[in-house]
């Protein structure tokens, strides 16, 4: 894995990483349960934003963590929080699941 990971990745780059290096990345959805019930990206691990602190010790440090939410605001805060707490390989998915639906998978409902 590269030495430094960008703070933000496009949904296109995220999609490429998930397809080409599935064992090296982990997609984490930090939206609320009612949002995940509406739509989700297949394979994403759901950890609501408020529960991230209690998962600090359990999140892998040997994978590139890709954090997403609805539009990218909450996930950016989670990305910054994880980086401040010793996780270097963390990137925000810019635009969130909204951008994913528009650019990658139109079958993912928008809300």
N, C-alpha and C. Protein backbone atom coordinates (compact mmCIF):
# COMPACT_ATOMS: atom_id res chain seq x y z
N UNK A 1 0.85 -1.19 0.00
CA UNK A 1 0.00 0.00 0.00
C UNK A 1 0.89 1.24 0.00
N UNK A 2 0.37 2.31 -0.58
CA UNK A 2 1.18 3.53 -0.63
C UNK A 2 1.44 4.09 0.77
N UNK A 3 2.50 4.85 0.85
CA UNK A 3 2.88 5.44 2.14
C UNK A 3 1.82 6.41 2.64
N UNK A 4 1.28 7.21 1.73
CA UNK A 4 0.30 8.20 2.19
C UNK A 4 -1.00 8.01 1.42
N UNK A 5 -2.07 8.20 2.11
CA UNK A 5 -3.39 8.04 1.53
C UNK A 5 -4.07 9.40 1.48
N UNK A 6 -4.73 9.71 0.36
CA UNK A 6 -5.37 11.02 0.24
C UNK A 6 -6.49 11.18 1.26
N UNK A 7 -6.72 12.42 1.68
CA UNK A 7 -7.80 12.69 2.63
C UNK A 7 -9.15 12.33 2.00
N UNK A 8 -9.30 12.61 0.72
CA UNK A 8 -10.56 12.29 0.03
C UNK A 8 -10.29 11.56 -1.27
N UNK A 9 -11.22 10.65 -1.60
CA UNK A 9 -11.19 9.93 -2.87
C UNK A 9 -12.52 10.15 -3.57
N UNK A 10 -12.49 10.15 -4.89
CA UNK A 10 -13.73 10.21 -5.65
C UNK A 10 -14.43 8.86 -5.56
N UNK A 11 -15.71 8.83 -5.91
CA UNK A 11 -16.41 7.54 -5.92
C UNK A 11 -15.83 6.64 -7.01
N UNK A 12 -15.34 7.23 -8.09
CA UNK A 12 -14.73 6.43 -9.15
C UNK A 12 -13.47 5.72 -8.65
N UNK A 13 -12.62 6.45 -7.92
CA UNK A 13 -11.40 5.86 -7.36
C UNK A 13 -11.75 4.83 -6.29
N UNK A 14 -12.75 5.11 -5.49
CA UNK A 14 -13.21 4.16 -4.48
C UNK A 14 -13.66 2.87 -5.13
N UNK A 15 -14.47 2.99 -6.17
CA UNK A 15 -14.97 1.83 -6.91
C UNK A 15 -13.81 1.01 -7.48
N UNK A 16 -12.82 1.70 -8.04
CA UNK A 16 -11.65 1.02 -8.60
C UNK A 16 -10.91 0.23 -7.51
N UNK A 17 -10.69 0.86 -6.36
CA UNK A 17 -9.99 0.18 -5.26
C UNK A 17 -10.77 -1.04 -4.78
N UNK A 18 -12.08 -0.91 -4.66
CA UNK A 18 -12.91 -2.02 -4.20
C UNK A 18 -12.86 -3.19 -5.19
N UNK A 19 -12.79 -2.88 -6.48
CA UNK A 19 -12.74 -3.93 -7.50
C UNK A 19 -11.35 -4.55 -7.62
N UNK A 20 -10.31 -3.71 -7.62
CA UNK A 20 -8.96 -4.19 -7.91
C UNK A 20 -8.20 -4.69 -6.69
N UNK A 21 -8.51 -4.15 -5.51
CA UNK A 21 -7.77 -4.54 -4.30
C UNK A 21 -8.73 -4.79 -3.14
N UNK A 22 -9.72 -5.68 -3.32
CA UNK A 22 -10.75 -5.86 -2.29
C UNK A 22 -10.21 -6.29 -0.92
N UNK A 23 -9.09 -6.99 -0.89
CA UNK A 23 -8.54 -7.44 0.39
C UNK A 23 -7.74 -6.36 1.10
N UNK A 24 -7.45 -5.27 0.40
CA UNK A 24 -6.62 -4.21 0.99
C UNK A 24 -7.43 -3.02 1.48
N UNK A 25 -8.74 -3.03 1.21
CA UNK A 25 -9.58 -1.89 1.59
C UNK A 25 -10.80 -2.36 2.38
N UNK A 26 -11.37 -1.44 3.15
CA UNK A 26 -12.61 -1.70 3.88
C UNK A 26 -13.48 -0.47 3.75
N UNK A 27 -14.65 -0.64 3.15
CA UNK A 27 -15.62 0.44 3.00
C UNK A 27 -16.50 0.48 4.24
N UNK A 28 -16.54 1.63 4.90
CA UNK A 28 -17.33 1.79 6.12
C UNK A 28 -18.38 2.87 5.92
N UNK A 29 -19.63 2.49 6.16
CA UNK A 29 -20.79 3.38 6.04
C UNK A 29 -21.10 3.92 7.43
N UNK A 30 -21.00 5.24 7.61
CA UNK A 30 -21.22 5.84 8.93
C UNK A 30 -22.60 6.51 9.05
N UNK A 31 -23.50 6.19 8.12
CA UNK A 31 -24.85 6.76 8.19
C UNK A 31 -25.65 6.09 9.30
N UNK A 32 -26.80 6.67 9.59
CA UNK A 32 -27.70 6.13 10.61
C UNK A 32 -28.44 4.90 10.09
N UNK A 33 -28.89 4.03 10.99
CA UNK A 33 -29.59 2.81 10.56
C UNK A 33 -30.79 3.06 9.63
N UNK A 34 -31.57 4.11 9.88
CA UNK A 34 -32.72 4.38 9.00
C UNK A 34 -32.27 4.75 7.59
N UNK A 35 -31.08 5.33 7.45
CA UNK A 35 -30.55 5.66 6.12
C UNK A 35 -30.08 4.39 5.41
N UNK A 36 -29.42 3.51 6.15
CA UNK A 36 -28.93 2.26 5.56
C UNK A 36 -30.11 1.40 5.11
N UNK A 37 -31.24 1.51 5.83
CA UNK A 37 -32.44 0.76 5.45
C UNK A 37 -32.97 1.21 4.08
N UNK A 38 -32.70 2.46 3.71
CA UNK A 38 -33.14 2.99 2.42
C UNK A 38 -32.29 2.50 1.27
N UNK A 39 -30.97 2.47 1.49
CA UNK A 39 -30.04 2.05 0.44
C UNK A 39 -28.67 1.82 1.05
N UNK A 40 -27.89 1.00 0.35
CA UNK A 40 -26.52 0.75 0.83
C UNK A 40 -25.65 0.33 -0.34
N UNK A 41 -24.34 0.44 -0.14
CA UNK A 41 -23.37 -0.04 -1.12
C UNK A 41 -23.00 -1.46 -0.69
N UNK A 42 -23.15 -2.41 -1.59
CA UNK A 42 -22.87 -3.81 -1.27
C UNK A 42 -21.47 -3.97 -0.71
N UNK A 43 -21.36 -4.71 0.38
CA UNK A 43 -20.06 -4.99 0.97
C UNK A 43 -19.60 -3.99 2.01
N UNK A 44 -20.31 -2.88 2.15
CA UNK A 44 -19.91 -1.87 3.14
C UNK A 44 -20.23 -2.35 4.55
N UNK A 45 -19.33 -2.08 5.47
CA UNK A 45 -19.57 -2.37 6.88
C UNK A 45 -20.26 -1.16 7.48
N UNK A 46 -21.37 -1.38 8.19
CA UNK A 46 -22.12 -0.28 8.77
C UNK A 46 -21.71 -0.05 10.22
N UNK A 47 -21.16 1.15 10.48
CA UNK A 47 -20.85 1.58 11.84
C UNK A 47 -21.33 3.04 11.93
N UNK A 48 -22.48 3.29 12.57
CA UNK A 48 -22.96 4.67 12.67
C UNK A 48 -21.88 5.59 13.26
N UNK A 49 -21.86 6.82 12.79
CA UNK A 49 -20.85 7.80 13.20
C UNK A 49 -20.67 7.84 14.72
N UNK A 50 -21.76 7.85 15.46
CA UNK A 50 -21.67 7.97 16.93
C UNK A 50 -21.00 6.76 17.57
N UNK A 51 -20.93 5.64 16.84
CA UNK A 51 -20.33 4.42 17.41
C UNK A 51 -18.85 4.24 17.03
N UNK A 52 -18.32 5.13 16.19
CA UNK A 52 -16.92 5.01 15.76
C UNK A 52 -15.95 4.99 16.95
N UNK A 53 -16.10 5.88 17.95
CA UNK A 53 -15.12 5.85 19.06
C UNK A 53 -15.03 4.49 19.75
N UNK A 54 -16.13 3.79 19.92
CA UNK A 54 -16.08 2.50 20.60
C UNK A 54 -15.51 1.39 19.72
N UNK A 55 -15.35 1.66 18.42
CA UNK A 55 -14.77 0.68 17.50
C UNK A 55 -13.29 0.94 17.20
N UNK A 56 -12.71 1.95 17.84
CA UNK A 56 -11.32 2.31 17.53
C UNK A 56 -10.37 1.13 17.58
N UNK A 57 -10.42 0.34 18.62
CA UNK A 57 -9.49 -0.77 18.74
C UNK A 57 -9.76 -1.92 17.77
N UNK A 58 -10.99 -1.99 17.25
CA UNK A 58 -11.38 -3.11 16.40
C UNK A 58 -11.17 -2.86 14.91
N UNK A 59 -11.05 -1.60 14.52
CA UNK A 59 -10.86 -1.30 13.10
C UNK A 59 -9.45 -1.69 12.67
N UNK A 60 -9.33 -2.33 11.51
CA UNK A 60 -8.00 -2.78 11.07
C UNK A 60 -7.10 -1.62 10.67
N UNK A 61 -5.85 -1.70 11.08
CA UNK A 61 -4.88 -0.69 10.67
C UNK A 61 -4.08 -1.15 9.46
N UNK A 62 -4.30 -2.40 9.04
CA UNK A 62 -3.57 -2.93 7.88
C UNK A 62 -4.39 -2.84 6.59
N UNK A 63 -5.52 -2.14 6.65
CA UNK A 63 -6.33 -1.92 5.45
C UNK A 63 -6.55 -0.44 5.26
N UNK A 64 -6.80 -0.05 4.00
CA UNK A 64 -7.14 1.33 3.68
C UNK A 64 -8.63 1.47 3.96
N UNK A 65 -8.98 2.26 4.98
CA UNK A 65 -10.38 2.46 5.35
C UNK A 65 -10.98 3.55 4.48
N UNK A 66 -12.10 3.23 3.83
CA UNK A 66 -12.81 4.16 2.96
C UNK A 66 -14.13 4.49 3.65
N UNK A 67 -14.27 5.73 4.08
CA UNK A 67 -15.41 6.13 4.91
C UNK A 67 -16.43 6.89 4.06
N UNK A 68 -17.70 6.45 4.14
CA UNK A 68 -18.73 7.17 3.37
C UNK A 68 -19.98 7.41 4.20
N UNK A 69 -20.73 8.42 3.79
CA UNK A 69 -22.03 8.73 4.39
C UNK A 69 -22.97 9.13 3.25
N UNK A 70 -23.90 10.05 3.50
CA UNK A 70 -24.86 10.45 2.48
C UNK A 70 -24.21 11.36 1.42
N UNK A 71 -23.61 12.47 1.88
CA UNK A 71 -22.99 13.42 0.94
C UNK A 71 -21.50 13.63 1.16
N UNK A 72 -20.95 13.13 2.26
CA UNK A 72 -19.51 13.25 2.50
C UNK A 72 -19.11 14.10 3.68
N UNK A 73 -20.06 14.77 4.33
CA UNK A 73 -19.73 15.63 5.47
C UNK A 73 -19.41 14.86 6.74
N UNK A 74 -20.31 13.98 7.14
CA UNK A 74 -20.07 13.18 8.34
C UNK A 74 -18.86 12.28 8.16
N UNK A 75 -18.75 11.69 6.98
CA UNK A 75 -17.62 10.78 6.76
C UNK A 75 -16.29 11.51 6.77
N UNK A 76 -16.27 12.77 6.34
CA UNK A 76 -15.03 13.55 6.41
C UNK A 76 -14.65 13.77 7.88
N UNK A 77 -15.63 14.07 8.73
CA UNK A 77 -15.34 14.24 10.16
C UNK A 77 -14.83 12.94 10.77
N UNK A 78 -15.42 11.81 10.38
CA UNK A 78 -14.96 10.51 10.89
C UNK A 78 -13.54 10.23 10.40
N UNK A 79 -13.27 10.54 9.13
CA UNK A 79 -11.93 10.35 8.56
C UNK A 79 -10.91 11.16 9.37
N UNK A 80 -11.22 12.41 9.64
CA UNK A 80 -10.31 13.27 10.41
C UNK A 80 -10.14 12.74 11.84
N UNK A 81 -11.21 12.26 12.44
CA UNK A 81 -11.16 11.69 13.79
C UNK A 81 -10.25 10.46 13.82
N UNK A 82 -10.44 9.56 12.85
CA UNK A 82 -9.61 8.35 12.81
C UNK A 82 -8.14 8.69 12.59
N UNK A 83 -7.86 9.64 11.71
CA UNK A 83 -6.48 10.06 11.47
C UNK A 83 -5.86 10.64 12.74
N UNK A 84 -6.66 11.38 13.51
CA UNK A 84 -6.17 11.98 14.76
C UNK A 84 -5.94 10.92 15.83
N UNK A 85 -6.51 9.73 15.62
CA UNK A 85 -6.39 8.66 16.61
C UNK A 85 -5.55 7.49 16.10
N UNK A 86 -4.59 7.79 15.23
CA UNK A 86 -3.58 6.81 14.87
C UNK A 86 -3.85 5.97 13.62
N UNK A 87 -4.92 6.27 12.92
CA UNK A 87 -5.20 5.55 11.67
C UNK A 87 -4.72 6.41 10.51
N UNK A 88 -3.66 5.96 9.83
CA UNK A 88 -3.09 6.75 8.74
C UNK A 88 -3.76 6.44 7.41
N UNK A 89 -4.17 5.19 7.23
CA UNK A 89 -4.73 4.76 5.94
C UNK A 89 -6.25 4.89 5.95
N UNK A 90 -6.70 6.15 5.96
CA UNK A 90 -8.13 6.44 5.97
C UNK A 90 -8.41 7.54 4.96
N UNK A 91 -9.44 7.33 4.15
CA UNK A 91 -9.85 8.35 3.17
C UNK A 91 -11.37 8.50 3.19
N UNK A 92 -11.81 9.73 3.01
CA UNK A 92 -13.22 10.04 2.88
C UNK A 92 -13.65 9.80 1.44
N UNK A 93 -14.83 9.21 1.26
CA UNK A 93 -15.40 9.05 -0.08
C UNK A 93 -16.20 10.32 -0.38
N UNK A 94 -15.61 11.19 -1.19
CA UNK A 94 -16.21 12.49 -1.51
C UNK A 94 -17.57 12.29 -2.20
N UNK A 95 -18.57 13.00 -1.71
CA UNK A 95 -19.90 12.93 -2.31
C UNK A 95 -20.78 11.83 -1.77
N UNK A 96 -20.19 10.88 -1.05
CA UNK A 96 -20.94 9.84 -0.38
C UNK A 96 -21.77 8.96 -1.30
N UNK A 97 -22.80 8.34 -0.70
CA UNK A 97 -23.63 7.40 -1.45
C UNK A 97 -24.45 8.12 -2.53
N UNK A 98 -24.68 9.41 -2.35
CA UNK A 98 -25.37 10.20 -3.39
C UNK A 98 -24.54 10.20 -4.67
N UNK A 99 -23.25 10.51 -4.55
CA UNK A 99 -22.36 10.52 -5.72
C UNK A 99 -22.20 9.10 -6.28
N UNK A 100 -22.17 8.10 -5.40
CA UNK A 100 -22.06 6.71 -5.83
C UNK A 100 -23.25 6.35 -6.73
N UNK A 101 -24.45 6.74 -6.30
CA UNK A 101 -25.65 6.44 -7.08
C UNK A 101 -25.62 7.15 -8.44
N UNK A 102 -25.15 8.37 -8.45
CA UNK A 102 -25.11 9.15 -9.70
C UNK A 102 -24.03 8.66 -10.66
N UNK A 103 -22.86 8.29 -10.15
CA UNK A 103 -21.73 8.00 -11.02
C UNK A 103 -21.42 6.51 -11.20
N UNK A 104 -21.73 5.69 -10.20
CA UNK A 104 -21.29 4.28 -10.22
C UNK A 104 -22.45 3.31 -10.38
N UNK A 105 -23.46 3.43 -9.55
CA UNK A 105 -24.55 2.45 -9.54
C UNK A 105 -25.90 3.11 -9.40
N UNK A 106 -26.54 3.40 -10.53
CA UNK A 106 -27.85 4.07 -10.49
C UNK A 106 -28.95 3.24 -9.83
N UNK A 107 -28.70 1.94 -9.58
CA UNK A 107 -29.71 1.12 -8.89
C UNK A 107 -29.76 1.44 -7.40
N UNK A 108 -28.74 2.14 -6.88
CA UNK A 108 -28.76 2.56 -5.48
C UNK A 108 -29.70 3.76 -5.37
N UNK A 109 -30.81 3.61 -4.62
CA UNK A 109 -31.77 4.71 -4.52
C UNK A 109 -31.17 5.98 -3.92
N UNK A 110 -31.63 7.11 -4.39
CA UNK A 110 -31.21 8.41 -3.85
C UNK A 110 -32.30 8.89 -2.91
N UNK A 111 -31.89 9.62 -1.87
CA UNK A 111 -32.87 10.16 -0.93
C UNK A 111 -32.45 11.54 -0.47
